[in-house]
Amino acid sequence: MDLRSYVRENQKVVEFVSQATPGVIDRYVGTLDHATARFNTILLRLSEHPLKTYEHAKEIDESYQAIQTFYEDTKRYLTWPYVFKPIIVLKLHWTGKTAIPKIKRLLQKIDN
């Protein structure tokens, strides 16, 4: 994928974060906000150095997929019946503990 397409696809997540009702799902929206901000910073830094883009292509795609998964699960948490919410919370917790920190590590790797 091209860097521009990542930005376009993440636009839905940014709109969701900006329109989220305060107090309902703050920690999930906060996680999405930090992850998308870091991911956009990664894309900005890589646009300045196009050769690094190919070097980190797999990690960029994994980060993008992690954000999209977390976003979809957050939307499910809001809309699905109460019976399924504990399952979705576990999935959100797992994604937040395993995949989202990889975005921060990728940003640190690109900065250095």
N, C-alpha and C. Protein backbone atom coordinates (compact mmCIF):
# COMPACT_ATOMS: atom_id res chain seq x y z
N MET A 1 0.83 -1.18 0.00
CA MET A 1 0.00 0.00 0.00
C MET A 1 0.87 1.25 0.00
N ASP A 2 0.35 2.26 -0.61
CA ASP A 2 1.01 3.55 -0.65
C ASP A 2 0.76 4.27 0.68
N LEU A 3 1.68 5.15 1.08
CA LEU A 3 1.51 5.87 2.34
C LEU A 3 0.24 6.71 2.34
N ARG A 4 -0.10 7.28 1.19
CA ARG A 4 -1.32 8.10 1.11
C ARG A 4 -2.56 7.27 1.37
N SER A 5 -2.56 6.05 0.90
CA SER A 5 -3.74 5.19 1.11
C SER A 5 -3.90 4.84 2.59
N TYR A 6 -2.79 4.68 3.31
CA TYR A 6 -2.89 4.46 4.75
C TYR A 6 -3.54 5.66 5.43
N VAL A 7 -3.16 6.84 5.02
CA VAL A 7 -3.71 8.06 5.61
C VAL A 7 -5.21 8.15 5.31
N ARG A 8 -5.59 7.87 4.06
CA ARG A 8 -7.00 7.93 3.69
C ARG A 8 -7.83 6.91 4.46
N GLU A 9 -7.31 5.72 4.61
CA GLU A 9 -8.04 4.67 5.32
C GLU A 9 -8.14 4.97 6.82
N ASN A 10 -7.15 5.62 7.38
CA ASN A 10 -7.18 5.97 8.80
C ASN A 10 -8.08 7.16 9.09
N GLN A 11 -8.57 7.82 8.07
CA GLN A 11 -9.43 8.98 8.27
C GLN A 11 -10.71 8.60 9.03
N LYS A 12 -11.24 7.39 8.79
CA LYS A 12 -12.43 6.93 9.52
C LYS A 12 -12.15 6.84 11.01
N VAL A 13 -10.98 6.37 11.35
CA VAL A 13 -10.61 6.22 12.77
C VAL A 13 -10.48 7.59 13.42
N VAL A 14 -9.86 8.53 12.72
CA VAL A 14 -9.69 9.88 13.26
C VAL A 14 -11.05 10.54 13.48
N GLU A 15 -11.98 10.37 12.54
CA GLU A 15 -13.32 10.93 12.70
C GLU A 15 -14.04 10.29 13.88
N PHE A 16 -13.90 8.98 14.04
CA PHE A 16 -14.53 8.28 15.16
C PHE A 16 -14.00 8.81 16.48
N VAL A 17 -12.70 9.00 16.57
CA VAL A 17 -12.09 9.50 17.80
C VAL A 17 -12.57 10.91 18.11
N SER A 18 -12.66 11.75 17.10
CA SER A 18 -13.07 13.14 17.34
C SER A 18 -14.55 13.26 17.69
N GLN A 19 -15.37 12.30 17.26
CA GLN A 19 -16.81 12.37 17.53
C GLN A 19 -17.25 11.49 18.69
N ALA A 20 -16.34 10.81 19.34
CA ALA A 20 -16.70 9.90 20.43
C ALA A 20 -17.24 10.69 21.62
N THR A 21 -18.24 10.12 22.26
CA THR A 21 -18.85 10.75 23.42
C THR A 21 -17.93 10.60 24.62
N PRO A 22 -17.57 11.69 25.27
CA PRO A 22 -16.69 11.58 26.44
C PRO A 22 -17.34 10.79 27.57
N GLY A 23 -16.54 9.96 28.20
CA GLY A 23 -16.99 9.22 29.36
C GLY A 23 -17.50 7.83 29.08
N VAL A 24 -17.87 7.53 27.85
CA VAL A 24 -18.44 6.23 27.56
C VAL A 24 -17.35 5.18 27.41
N ILE A 25 -16.41 5.43 26.53
CA ILE A 25 -15.34 4.46 26.26
C ILE A 25 -14.00 5.18 26.19
N ASP A 26 -13.71 5.98 27.17
CA ASP A 26 -12.53 6.85 27.14
C ASP A 26 -11.23 6.10 26.92
N ARG A 27 -11.02 5.00 27.60
CA ARG A 27 -9.71 4.34 27.47
C ARG A 27 -9.51 3.74 26.08
N TYR A 28 -10.57 3.26 25.46
CA TYR A 28 -10.43 2.71 24.11
C TYR A 28 -10.22 3.80 23.08
N VAL A 29 -10.95 4.89 23.23
CA VAL A 29 -10.78 6.02 22.32
C VAL A 29 -9.41 6.65 22.52
N GLY A 30 -8.96 6.73 23.75
CA GLY A 30 -7.62 7.27 24.03
C GLY A 30 -6.53 6.42 23.40
N THR A 31 -6.69 5.10 23.50
CA THR A 31 -5.72 4.20 22.88
C THR A 31 -5.71 4.38 21.37
N LEU A 32 -6.90 4.49 20.77
CA LEU A 32 -6.98 4.72 19.32
C LEU A 32 -6.35 6.05 18.94
N ASP A 33 -6.59 7.07 19.76
CA ASP A 33 -6.04 8.39 19.48
C ASP A 33 -4.52 8.37 19.49
N HIS A 34 -3.93 7.77 20.52
CA HIS A 34 -2.46 7.68 20.60
C HIS A 34 -1.89 6.84 19.47
N ALA A 35 -2.54 5.73 19.18
CA ALA A 35 -2.03 4.84 18.13
C ALA A 35 -2.09 5.51 16.76
N THR A 36 -3.18 6.19 16.45
CA THR A 36 -3.27 6.85 15.15
C THR A 36 -2.31 8.03 15.06
N ALA A 37 -2.12 8.75 16.16
CA ALA A 37 -1.16 9.86 16.15
C ALA A 37 0.25 9.34 15.89
N ARG A 38 0.62 8.28 16.57
CA ARG A 38 1.95 7.70 16.34
C ARG A 38 2.08 7.15 14.92
N PHE A 39 1.03 6.50 14.44
CA PHE A 39 1.08 5.94 13.09
C PHE A 39 1.20 7.04 12.05
N ASN A 40 0.46 8.14 12.23
CA ASN A 40 0.58 9.26 11.30
C ASN A 40 1.95 9.90 11.36
N THR A 41 2.55 9.94 12.55
CA THR A 41 3.92 10.45 12.68
C THR A 41 4.89 9.55 11.94
N ILE A 42 4.68 8.24 12.05
CA ILE A 42 5.53 7.29 11.32
C ILE A 42 5.42 7.54 9.83
N LEU A 43 4.20 7.69 9.34
CA LEU A 43 3.99 7.92 7.91
C LEU A 43 4.63 9.23 7.46
N LEU A 44 4.55 10.24 8.30
CA LEU A 44 5.16 11.53 7.97
C LEU A 44 6.68 11.40 7.89
N ARG A 45 7.29 10.73 8.85
CA ARG A 45 8.74 10.55 8.84
C ARG A 45 9.19 9.71 7.65
N LEU A 46 8.40 8.69 7.31
CA LEU A 46 8.77 7.84 6.18
C LEU A 46 8.58 8.55 4.85
N SER A 47 7.66 9.51 4.79
CA SER A 47 7.51 10.26 3.54
C SER A 47 8.71 11.16 3.29
N GLU A 48 9.41 11.52 4.36
CA GLU A 48 10.62 12.33 4.22
C GLU A 48 11.80 11.47 3.75
N HIS A 49 11.77 10.17 4.08
CA HIS A 49 12.84 9.24 3.70
C HIS A 49 12.22 8.03 3.00
N PRO A 50 11.96 8.13 1.71
CA PRO A 50 11.24 7.05 1.00
C PRO A 50 11.95 5.70 1.01
N LEU A 51 13.26 5.66 1.12
CA LEU A 51 13.96 4.38 1.13
C LEU A 51 13.66 3.56 2.38
N LYS A 52 13.39 4.24 3.48
CA LYS A 52 13.06 3.54 4.72
C LYS A 52 11.67 2.89 4.64
N THR A 53 10.85 3.37 3.74
CA THR A 53 9.50 2.83 3.60
C THR A 53 9.54 1.35 3.24
N TYR A 54 10.40 1.01 2.30
CA TYR A 54 10.50 -0.39 1.88
C TYR A 54 11.11 -1.26 2.98
N GLU A 55 11.97 -0.65 3.75
CA GLU A 55 12.64 -1.37 4.84
C GLU A 55 11.65 -1.76 5.94
N HIS A 56 10.65 -0.92 6.17
CA HIS A 56 9.69 -1.13 7.27
C HIS A 56 8.28 -1.44 6.75
N ALA A 57 8.15 -1.90 5.53
CA ALA A 57 6.83 -2.11 4.92
C ALA A 57 5.97 -3.10 5.71
N LYS A 58 6.57 -4.20 6.14
CA LYS A 58 5.81 -5.21 6.87
C LYS A 58 5.32 -4.67 8.21
N GLU A 59 6.18 -3.95 8.91
CA GLU A 59 5.81 -3.39 10.21
C GLU A 59 4.74 -2.31 10.07
N ILE A 60 4.81 -1.55 8.99
CA ILE A 60 3.79 -0.52 8.74
C ILE A 60 2.44 -1.18 8.53
N ASP A 61 2.43 -2.23 7.74
CA ASP A 61 1.16 -2.93 7.48
C ASP A 61 0.61 -3.58 8.75
N GLU A 62 1.47 -4.15 9.57
CA GLU A 62 1.03 -4.73 10.83
C GLU A 62 0.45 -3.66 11.76
N SER A 63 1.07 -2.50 11.79
CA SER A 63 0.56 -1.40 12.61
C SER A 63 -0.80 -0.94 12.12
N TYR A 64 -0.92 -0.82 10.81
CA TYR A 64 -2.20 -0.42 10.22
C TYR A 64 -3.29 -1.43 10.56
N GLN A 65 -2.98 -2.71 10.43
CA GLN A 65 -3.96 -3.75 10.73
C GLN A 65 -4.34 -3.74 12.22
N ALA A 66 -3.39 -3.46 13.09
CA ALA A 66 -3.68 -3.40 14.53
C ALA A 66 -4.64 -2.26 14.83
N ILE A 67 -4.41 -1.11 14.23
CA ILE A 67 -5.30 0.03 14.45
C ILE A 67 -6.70 -0.28 13.92
N GLN A 68 -6.79 -0.86 12.74
CA GLN A 68 -8.09 -1.18 12.17
C GLN A 68 -8.83 -2.22 13.01
N THR A 69 -8.12 -3.22 13.51
CA THR A 69 -8.74 -4.23 14.36
C THR A 69 -9.27 -3.61 15.64
N PHE A 70 -8.46 -2.75 16.27
CA PHE A 70 -8.87 -2.11 17.50
C PHE A 70 -10.07 -1.20 17.26
N TYR A 71 -10.07 -0.50 16.14
CA TYR A 71 -11.18 0.38 15.78
C TYR A 71 -12.47 -0.42 15.57
N GLU A 72 -12.40 -1.49 14.82
CA GLU A 72 -13.59 -2.32 14.58
C GLU A 72 -14.11 -2.92 15.88
N ASP A 73 -13.23 -3.38 16.74
CA ASP A 73 -13.66 -3.96 18.01
C ASP A 73 -14.26 -2.90 18.93
N THR A 74 -13.75 -1.69 18.88
CA THR A 74 -14.32 -0.61 19.68
C THR A 74 -15.74 -0.29 19.20
N LYS A 75 -15.94 -0.28 17.90
CA LYS A 75 -17.28 -0.06 17.36
C LYS A 75 -18.20 -1.22 17.75
N ARG A 76 -17.69 -2.43 17.74
CA ARG A 76 -18.49 -3.58 18.17
C ARG A 76 -18.88 -3.46 19.64
N TYR A 77 -17.96 -2.98 20.44
CA TYR A 77 -18.23 -2.80 21.87
C TYR A 77 -19.42 -1.86 22.09
N LEU A 78 -19.53 -0.86 21.26
CA LEU A 78 -20.63 0.09 21.39
C LEU A 78 -21.95 -0.46 20.87
N THR A 79 -21.92 -1.28 19.85
CA THR A 79 -23.15 -1.66 19.18
C THR A 79 -23.65 -3.07 19.49
N TRP A 80 -22.79 -3.97 19.88
CA TRP A 80 -23.21 -5.36 20.10
C TRP A 80 -23.98 -5.51 21.42
N PRO A 81 -24.77 -6.56 21.54
CA PRO A 81 -25.52 -6.80 22.78
C PRO A 81 -24.60 -6.99 23.99
N TYR A 82 -25.18 -6.76 25.14
CA TYR A 82 -24.45 -6.82 26.40
C TYR A 82 -23.79 -8.17 26.64
N VAL A 83 -24.39 -9.24 26.16
CA VAL A 83 -23.87 -10.59 26.38
C VAL A 83 -22.48 -10.76 25.79
N PHE A 84 -22.21 -10.10 24.67
CA PHE A 84 -20.94 -10.27 23.98
C PHE A 84 -19.85 -9.29 24.44
N LYS A 85 -20.21 -8.32 25.25
CA LYS A 85 -19.24 -7.30 25.64
C LYS A 85 -18.02 -7.84 26.39
N PRO A 86 -18.16 -8.82 27.28
CA PRO A 86 -16.94 -9.34 27.93
C PRO A 86 -15.95 -9.95 26.94
N ILE A 87 -16.45 -10.59 25.92
CA ILE A 87 -15.58 -11.17 24.90
C ILE A 87 -14.86 -10.08 24.14
N ILE A 88 -15.59 -9.04 23.79
CA ILE A 88 -14.98 -7.93 23.05
C ILE A 88 -13.97 -7.20 23.91
N VAL A 89 -14.25 -7.06 25.20
CA VAL A 89 -13.30 -6.41 26.11
C VAL A 89 -12.00 -7.21 26.18
N LEU A 90 -12.11 -8.53 26.23
CA LEU A 90 -10.90 -9.36 26.24
C LEU A 90 -10.10 -9.20 24.94
N LYS A 91 -10.81 -9.14 23.84
CA LYS A 91 -10.13 -8.97 22.55
C LYS A 91 -9.46 -7.59 22.47
N LEU A 92 -10.17 -6.56 22.94
CA LEU A 92 -9.58 -5.21 22.97
C LEU A 92 -8.35 -5.18 23.87
N HIS A 93 -8.45 -5.84 25.02
CA HIS A 93 -7.31 -5.88 25.95
C HIS A 93 -6.12 -6.59 25.31
N TRP A 94 -6.37 -7.70 24.65
CA TRP A 94 -5.29 -8.45 24.00
C TRP A 94 -4.63 -7.61 22.90
N THR A 95 -5.43 -6.98 22.07
CA THR A 95 -4.88 -6.16 20.99
C THR A 95 -4.12 -4.98 21.58
N GLY A 96 -4.66 -4.38 22.62
CA GLY A 96 -4.01 -3.22 23.25
C GLY A 96 -2.70 -3.56 23.93
N LYS A 97 -2.55 -4.79 24.37
CA LYS A 97 -1.32 -5.20 25.06
C LYS A 97 -0.28 -5.80 24.13
N THR A 98 -0.70 -6.35 23.00
CA THR A 98 0.27 -7.02 22.12
C THR A 98 0.57 -6.24 20.85
N ALA A 99 -0.44 -5.74 20.17
CA ALA A 99 -0.23 -5.14 18.85
C ALA A 99 0.01 -3.63 18.89
N ILE A 100 -0.71 -2.93 19.74
CA ILE A 100 -0.59 -1.47 19.79
C ILE A 100 0.80 -1.02 20.24
N PRO A 101 1.46 -1.67 21.22
CA PRO A 101 2.82 -1.24 21.59
C PRO A 101 3.85 -1.37 20.46
N LYS A 102 3.57 -2.22 19.49
CA LYS A 102 4.48 -2.36 18.35
C LYS A 102 4.56 -1.06 17.55
N ILE A 103 3.49 -0.28 17.57
CA ILE A 103 3.49 1.01 16.86
C ILE A 103 4.49 1.96 17.51
N LYS A 104 4.49 1.98 18.84
CA LYS A 104 5.44 2.84 19.56
C LYS A 104 6.88 2.39 19.30
N ARG A 105 7.11 1.08 19.30
CA ARG A 105 8.46 0.59 19.02
C ARG A 105 8.90 0.91 17.60
N LEU A 106 7.98 0.83 16.64
CA LEU A 106 8.31 1.18 15.27
C LEU A 106 8.67 2.66 15.16
N LEU A 107 7.93 3.52 15.85
CA LEU A 107 8.25 4.95 15.84
C LEU A 107 9.61 5.21 16.43
N GLN A 108 9.95 4.53 17.52
CA GLN A 108 11.28 4.69 18.12
C GLN A 108 12.36 4.19 17.20
N LYS A 109 12.10 3.10 16.48
CA LYS A 109 13.08 2.55 15.55
C LYS A 109 13.31 3.51 14.38
N ILE A 110 12.27 4.13 13.90
CA ILE A 110 12.40 5.05 12.77
C ILE A 110 13.09 6.33 13.20
N ASP A 111 12.83 6.80 14.42
CA ASP A 111 13.47 8.01 14.93
C ASP A 111 14.96 7.84 15.11
N ASN A 112 15.39 6.65 15.43
CA ASN A 112 16.82 6.43 15.67
C ASN A 112 17.55 6.06 14.44
